[in-house]
């Protein structure tokens, strides 16, 4: 993994509120983040604030087998769309 890419990504994620975009996609949240690496610090910083912003849709791409771990780590209340199952699951 290229540390410079993660540094740039973390900077973008940390400044999400200044982008004024309607959709923000993070591809992907996975094993690195669950180990406290990758985008972890930025996600911990912005996710609690993000739920207050109803103007923007945040999409996190997560592998099926990591969904529940990611939800627990970041205390997410979200809608899961499983592109393999083609059905929407509401989890709280």
C-alpha atoms as a PDB file:
ATOM      1  CA  UNK A   1       0.000   0.000   0.000  1.00  0.00           C
ATOM      2  CA  UNK A   2       1.182   3.499  -0.829  1.00  0.00           C
ATOM      3  CA  UNK A   3       1.287   5.674   2.308  1.00  0.00           C
ATOM      4  CA  UNK A   4       1.073   8.845   0.173  1.00  0.00           C
ATOM      5  CA  UNK A   5      -2.264   7.703  -1.262  1.00  0.00           C
ATOM      6  CA  UNK A   6      -3.632   7.097   2.225  1.00  0.00           C
ATOM      7  CA  UNK A   7      -2.323  10.476   3.400  1.00  0.00           C
ATOM      8  CA  UNK A   8      -4.160  12.183   0.525  1.00  0.00           C
ATOM      9  CA  UNK A   9      -7.306  10.128   1.162  1.00  0.00           C
ATOM     10  CA  UNK A  10      -7.239  10.930   4.870  1.00  0.00           C
ATOM     11  CA  UNK A  11      -6.873  14.618   4.089  1.00  0.00           C
ATOM     12  CA  UNK A  12      -9.883  14.484   1.749  1.00  0.00           C
ATOM     13  CA  UNK A  13     -11.987  12.542   4.250  1.00  0.00           C
ATOM     14  CA  UNK A  14     -11.069  14.888   7.100  1.00  0.00           C
ATOM     15  CA  UNK A  15     -12.176  17.851   4.991  1.00  0.00           C
ATOM     16  CA  UNK A  16     -15.436  16.277   3.790  1.00  0.00           C
ATOM     17  CA  UNK A  17     -17.484  19.151   5.222  1.00  0.00           C
ATOM     18  CA  UNK A  18     -15.687  21.637   2.945  1.00  0.00           C
ATOM     19  CA  UNK A  19     -16.358  19.702  -0.290  1.00  0.00           C
ATOM     20  CA  UNK A  20     -20.077  20.570  -0.508  1.00  0.00           C
ATOM     21  CA  UNK A  21     -20.791  17.441  -2.527  1.00  0.00           C
ATOM     22  CA  UNK A  22     -24.086  15.560  -2.528  1.00  0.00           C
ATOM     23  CA  UNK A  23     -22.416  12.117  -2.586  1.00  0.00           C
ATOM     24  CA  UNK A  24     -19.114  11.091  -1.008  1.00  0.00           C
ATOM     25  CA  UNK A  25     -17.830   7.531  -1.611  1.00  0.00           C
ATOM     26  CA  UNK A  26     -15.037   5.816   0.311  1.00  0.00           C
ATOM     27  CA  UNK A  27     -13.842   2.682  -1.478  1.00  0.00           C
ATOM     28  CA  UNK A  28     -13.085   0.763   0.599  1.00  0.00           C
ATOM     29  CA  UNK A  29     -13.267   0.440   4.366  1.00  0.00           C
ATOM     30  CA  UNK A  30     -11.701  -2.861   5.305  1.00  0.00           C
ATOM     31  CA  UNK A  31      -9.036  -4.783   7.164  1.00  0.00           C
ATOM     32  CA  UNK A  32      -6.584  -1.876   7.383  1.00  0.00           C
ATOM     33  CA  UNK A  33      -9.172   0.348   9.031  1.00  0.00           C
ATOM     34  CA  UNK A  34     -10.195  -2.427  11.423  1.00  0.00           C
ATOM     35  CA  UNK A  35      -6.518  -2.614  12.474  1.00  0.00           C
ATOM     36  CA  UNK A  36      -6.421   1.148  13.067  1.00  0.00           C
ATOM     37  CA  UNK A  37      -4.614   1.890   9.809  1.00  0.00           C
ATOM     38  CA  UNK A  38      -5.634   3.254   6.410  1.00  0.00           C
ATOM     39  CA  UNK A  39      -8.549   5.711   6.745  1.00  0.00           C
ATOM     40  CA  UNK A  40      -9.343   4.761  10.357  1.00  0.00           C
ATOM     41  CA  UNK A  41      -8.471   8.060  12.094  1.00  0.00           C
ATOM     42  CA  UNK A  42     -10.316  10.145   9.513  1.00  0.00           C
ATOM     43  CA  UNK A  43     -13.375   7.911   9.675  1.00  0.00           C
ATOM     44  CA  UNK A  44     -13.455   8.131  13.467  1.00  0.00           C
ATOM     45  CA  UNK A  45     -13.246  11.901  13.163  1.00  0.00           C
ATOM     46  CA  UNK A  46     -15.935  12.477  10.524  1.00  0.00           C
ATOM     47  CA  UNK A  47     -18.512   9.719  11.011  1.00  0.00           C
ATOM     48  CA  UNK A  48     -19.988  11.079  14.273  1.00  0.00           C
ATOM     49  CA  UNK A  49     -20.336  14.510  12.643  1.00  0.00           C
ATOM     50  CA  UNK A  50     -21.549  13.141   9.347  1.00  0.00           C
ATOM     51  CA  UNK A  51     -24.857  11.889  10.700  1.00  0.00           C
ATOM     52  CA  UNK A  52     -25.759  15.514  11.409  1.00  0.00           C
ATOM     53  CA  UNK A  53     -25.456  16.404   7.712  1.00  0.00           C
ATOM     54  CA  UNK A  54     -28.627  15.417   5.859  1.00  0.00           C
ATOM     55  CA  UNK A  55     -27.510  17.119   2.637  1.00  0.00           C
ATOM     56  CA  UNK A  56     -24.876  14.575   1.644  1.00  0.00           C
ATOM     57  CA  UNK A  57     -25.003  10.833   1.079  1.00  0.00           C
ATOM     58  CA  UNK A  58     -21.959   8.975   2.408  1.00  0.00           C
ATOM     59  CA  UNK A  59     -21.313   5.592   0.803  1.00  0.00           C
ATOM     60  CA  UNK A  60     -18.799   3.221   2.367  1.00  0.00           C
ATOM     61  CA  UNK A  61     -17.745   0.232   0.294  1.00  0.00           C
ATOM     62  CA  UNK A  62     -17.204  -2.766   2.598  1.00  0.00           C
ATOM     63  CA  UNK A  63     -16.682  -6.437   1.817  1.00  0.00           C
ATOM     64  CA  UNK A  64     -19.619  -8.629   2.884  1.00  0.00           C
ATOM     65  CA  UNK A  65     -17.682 -10.504   5.545  1.00  0.00           C
ATOM     66  CA  UNK A  66     -16.500  -7.265   7.217  1.00  0.00           C
ATOM     67  CA  UNK A  67     -19.780  -5.327   7.295  1.00  0.00           C
ATOM     68  CA  UNK A  68     -20.712  -6.076  10.903  1.00  0.00           C
ATOM     69  CA  UNK A  69     -17.171  -5.463  12.193  1.00  0.00           C
ATOM     70  CA  UNK A  70     -17.062  -2.087  10.418  1.00  0.00           C
ATOM     71  CA  UNK A  71     -20.501  -1.190  11.772  1.00  0.00           C
ATOM     72  CA  UNK A  72     -19.386  -2.039  15.319  1.00  0.00           C
ATOM     73  CA  UNK A  73     -16.046  -0.220  15.092  1.00  0.00           C
ATOM     74  CA  UNK A  74     -17.573   3.019  13.809  1.00  0.00           C
ATOM     75  CA  UNK A  75     -20.942   2.669  15.611  1.00  0.00           C
ATOM     76  CA  UNK A  76     -22.841   2.982  12.336  1.00  0.00           C
ATOM     77  CA  UNK A  77     -26.596   3.221  12.008  1.00  0.00           C
ATOM     78  CA  UNK A  78     -26.974   2.673   8.292  1.00  0.00           C
ATOM     79  CA  UNK A  79     -28.640   1.042   5.347  1.00  0.00           C
ATOM     80  CA  UNK A  80     -26.799  -1.877   3.802  1.00  0.00           C
ATOM     81  CA  UNK A  81     -27.156  -2.523   0.100  1.00  0.00           C
ATOM     82  CA  UNK A  82     -25.798  -5.919  -0.839  1.00  0.00           C
ATOM     83  CA  UNK A  83     -25.141  -5.796  -4.563  1.00  0.00           C
ATOM     84  CA  UNK A  84     -24.939  -9.577  -4.689  1.00  0.00           C
ATOM     85  CA  UNK A  85     -28.331 -10.082  -3.018  1.00  0.00           C
ATOM     86  CA  UNK A  86     -29.964  -7.069  -4.716  1.00  0.00           C
ATOM     87  CA  UNK A  87     -31.946  -6.227  -1.610  1.00  0.00           C
ATOM     88  CA  UNK A  88     -31.705  -3.431   0.899  1.00  0.00           C
ATOM     89  CA  UNK A  89     -31.311  -4.307   4.566  1.00  0.00           C
ATOM     90  CA  UNK A  90     -31.945  -1.702   7.284  1.00  0.00           C
ATOM     91  CA  UNK A  91     -29.749  -2.245  10.347  1.00  0.00           C
ATOM     92  CA  UNK A  92     -29.778  -0.212  13.543  1.00  0.00           C
END
